[in-house]
């Protein structure tokens, strides 16, 4: 069994409130769940309007499949409206 967790540090420049921030993150998390069939959670920077950290966990029996799913997830986050990627970390378990 192969398990990978990818985390993204995000900058949400247009957010003027936690409500604006939440709107961007909810769309992004829903897209990751829908397109990648992955577990997604907000894992850090929860009290800042313009910063966020989200993480995505993927489990599979083949490393190539997990890597492909993470590439798709990374593309979705990079192309997300309203969020800019500051940093990305992948942990293999």
C-alpha atoms as a PDB file:
ATOM      1  CA  UNK A   1       0.000   0.000   0.000  1.00  0.00           C
ATOM      2  CA  UNK A   2       1.320   3.442  -0.993  1.00  0.00           C
ATOM      3  CA  UNK A   3       0.241   6.549   0.942  1.00  0.00           C
ATOM      4  CA  UNK A   4       1.164  10.121   0.053  1.00  0.00           C
ATOM      5  CA  UNK A   5       0.170  13.427   1.609  1.00  0.00           C
ATOM      6  CA  UNK A   6       0.705  16.638  -0.322  1.00  0.00           C
ATOM      7  CA  UNK A   7       0.363  20.035   1.353  1.00  0.00           C
ATOM      8  CA  UNK A   8       0.153  23.460  -0.251  1.00  0.00           C
ATOM      9  CA  UNK A   9       0.786  26.834   1.355  1.00  0.00           C
ATOM     10  CA  UNK A  10      -1.505  29.309  -0.398  1.00  0.00           C
ATOM     11  CA  UNK A  11      -1.795  33.080  -0.668  1.00  0.00           C
ATOM     12  CA  UNK A  12      -5.334  34.350  -1.243  1.00  0.00           C
ATOM     13  CA  UNK A  13      -4.695  37.942  -2.249  1.00  0.00           C
ATOM     14  CA  UNK A  14      -8.279  39.107  -2.853  1.00  0.00           C
ATOM     15  CA  UNK A  15      -9.617  37.844   0.491  1.00  0.00           C
ATOM     16  CA  UNK A  16     -10.812  40.710   2.659  1.00  0.00           C
ATOM     17  CA  UNK A  17     -12.505  38.471   5.241  1.00  0.00           C
ATOM     18  CA  UNK A  18     -12.582  34.888   6.418  1.00  0.00           C
ATOM     19  CA  UNK A  19     -15.765  34.484   4.354  1.00  0.00           C
ATOM     20  CA  UNK A  20     -13.886  35.409   1.138  1.00  0.00           C
ATOM     21  CA  UNK A  21     -11.109  32.994   2.071  1.00  0.00           C
ATOM     22  CA  UNK A  22     -13.538  30.191   2.862  1.00  0.00           C
ATOM     23  CA  UNK A  23     -15.250  30.625  -0.513  1.00  0.00           C
ATOM     24  CA  UNK A  24     -11.981  30.115  -2.413  1.00  0.00           C
ATOM     25  CA  UNK A  25     -10.967  27.130  -0.276  1.00  0.00           C
ATOM     26  CA  UNK A  26     -14.347  25.393  -0.487  1.00  0.00           C
ATOM     27  CA  UNK A  27     -14.277  25.509  -4.296  1.00  0.00           C
ATOM     28  CA  UNK A  28     -10.714  24.201  -4.337  1.00  0.00           C
ATOM     29  CA  UNK A  29     -11.362  21.387  -1.857  1.00  0.00           C
ATOM     30  CA  UNK A  30     -14.497  20.310  -3.747  1.00  0.00           C
ATOM     31  CA  UNK A  31     -12.547  20.202  -7.031  1.00  0.00           C
ATOM     32  CA  UNK A  32      -9.807  18.065  -5.444  1.00  0.00           C
ATOM     33  CA  UNK A  33     -12.357  15.641  -4.008  1.00  0.00           C
ATOM     34  CA  UNK A  34     -14.255  15.434  -7.297  1.00  0.00           C
ATOM     35  CA  UNK A  35     -11.317  15.175  -9.709  1.00  0.00           C
ATOM     36  CA  UNK A  36      -8.820  13.214  -7.603  1.00  0.00           C
ATOM     37  CA  UNK A  37     -11.093  11.205  -5.299  1.00  0.00           C
ATOM     38  CA  UNK A  38      -8.775  12.215  -2.449  1.00  0.00           C
ATOM     39  CA  UNK A  39      -9.200  13.196   1.173  1.00  0.00           C
ATOM     40  CA  UNK A  40      -8.720  16.941   1.534  1.00  0.00           C
ATOM     41  CA  UNK A  41      -8.537  19.138   4.630  1.00  0.00           C
ATOM     42  CA  UNK A  42      -7.488  22.597   5.676  1.00  0.00           C
ATOM     43  CA  UNK A  43      -4.478  21.905   7.874  1.00  0.00           C
ATOM     44  CA  UNK A  44      -2.990  25.256   8.822  1.00  0.00           C
ATOM     45  CA  UNK A  45      -3.102  29.056   8.800  1.00  0.00           C
ATOM     46  CA  UNK A  46      -6.805  28.922   9.684  1.00  0.00           C
ATOM     47  CA  UNK A  47      -7.026  32.346  11.320  1.00  0.00           C
ATOM     48  CA  UNK A  48      -5.408  34.415   8.572  1.00  0.00           C
ATOM     49  CA  UNK A  49      -7.484  35.958   5.782  1.00  0.00           C
ATOM     50  CA  UNK A  50      -4.948  35.773   3.000  1.00  0.00           C
ATOM     51  CA  UNK A  51      -3.014  32.608   3.924  1.00  0.00           C
ATOM     52  CA  UNK A  52      -4.091  28.978   3.967  1.00  0.00           C
ATOM     53  CA  UNK A  53      -2.682  25.484   4.058  1.00  0.00           C
ATOM     54  CA  UNK A  54      -4.552  22.559   2.570  1.00  0.00           C
ATOM     55  CA  UNK A  55      -3.482  18.928   2.426  1.00  0.00           C
ATOM     56  CA  UNK A  56      -4.541  16.048   0.226  1.00  0.00           C
ATOM     57  CA  UNK A  57      -4.065  12.352   1.085  1.00  0.00           C
ATOM     58  CA  UNK A  58      -3.950   9.664  -1.604  1.00  0.00           C
ATOM     59  CA  UNK A  59      -3.819   5.893  -1.036  1.00  0.00           C
ATOM     60  CA  UNK A  60      -3.156   3.312  -3.735  1.00  0.00           C
ATOM     61  CA  UNK A  61      -1.533   0.007  -4.486  1.00  0.00           C
ATOM     62  CA  UNK A  62       0.796   1.375  -7.190  1.00  0.00           C
ATOM     63  CA  UNK A  63       3.204   4.291  -6.743  1.00  0.00           C
ATOM     64  CA  UNK A  64       2.741   5.418 -10.362  1.00  0.00           C
ATOM     65  CA  UNK A  65      -1.018   5.776  -9.853  1.00  0.00           C
ATOM     66  CA  UNK A  66      -0.541   7.768  -6.637  1.00  0.00           C
ATOM     67  CA  UNK A  67       2.037  10.021  -8.344  1.00  0.00           C
ATOM     68  CA  UNK A  68      -0.386  10.622 -11.230  1.00  0.00           C
ATOM     69  CA  UNK A  69      -3.148  11.577  -8.816  1.00  0.00           C
ATOM     70  CA  UNK A  70      -0.818  13.984  -7.007  1.00  0.00           C
ATOM     71  CA  UNK A  71       0.200  15.575 -10.320  1.00  0.00           C
ATOM     72  CA  UNK A  72      -3.482  16.127 -11.115  1.00  0.00           C
ATOM     73  CA  UNK A  73      -4.055  17.596  -7.655  1.00  0.00           C
ATOM     74  CA  UNK A  74      -1.043  19.885  -8.020  1.00  0.00           C
ATOM     75  CA  UNK A  75      -2.316  21.120 -11.388  1.00  0.00           C
ATOM     76  CA  UNK A  76      -5.787  21.831  -9.926  1.00  0.00           C
ATOM     77  CA  UNK A  77      -4.315  23.826  -7.042  1.00  0.00           C
ATOM     78  CA  UNK A  78      -1.948  25.755  -9.324  1.00  0.00           C
ATOM     79  CA  UNK A  79      -4.841  26.678 -11.652  1.00  0.00           C
ATOM     80  CA  UNK A  80      -7.314  27.566  -8.872  1.00  0.00           C
ATOM     81  CA  UNK A  81      -8.966  30.962  -9.145  1.00  0.00           C
ATOM     82  CA  UNK A  82      -8.090  33.248  -6.273  1.00  0.00           C
ATOM     83  CA  UNK A  83      -5.211  31.240  -4.786  1.00  0.00           C
ATOM     84  CA  UNK A  84      -1.488  31.330  -5.501  1.00  0.00           C
ATOM     85  CA  UNK A  85       0.806  28.502  -4.408  1.00  0.00           C
ATOM     86  CA  UNK A  86       3.636  29.644  -2.127  1.00  0.00           C
ATOM     87  CA  UNK A  87       5.085  26.242  -1.227  1.00  0.00           C
ATOM     88  CA  UNK A  88       4.360  22.538  -1.750  1.00  0.00           C
ATOM     89  CA  UNK A  89       5.471  19.524   0.295  1.00  0.00           C
ATOM     90  CA  UNK A  90       4.915  15.816  -0.431  1.00  0.00           C
ATOM     91  CA  UNK A  91       5.328  13.169   2.285  1.00  0.00           C
ATOM     92  CA  UNK A  92       5.364   9.475   1.435  1.00  0.00           C
ATOM     93  CA  UNK A  93       4.274   7.061   4.148  1.00  0.00           C
END
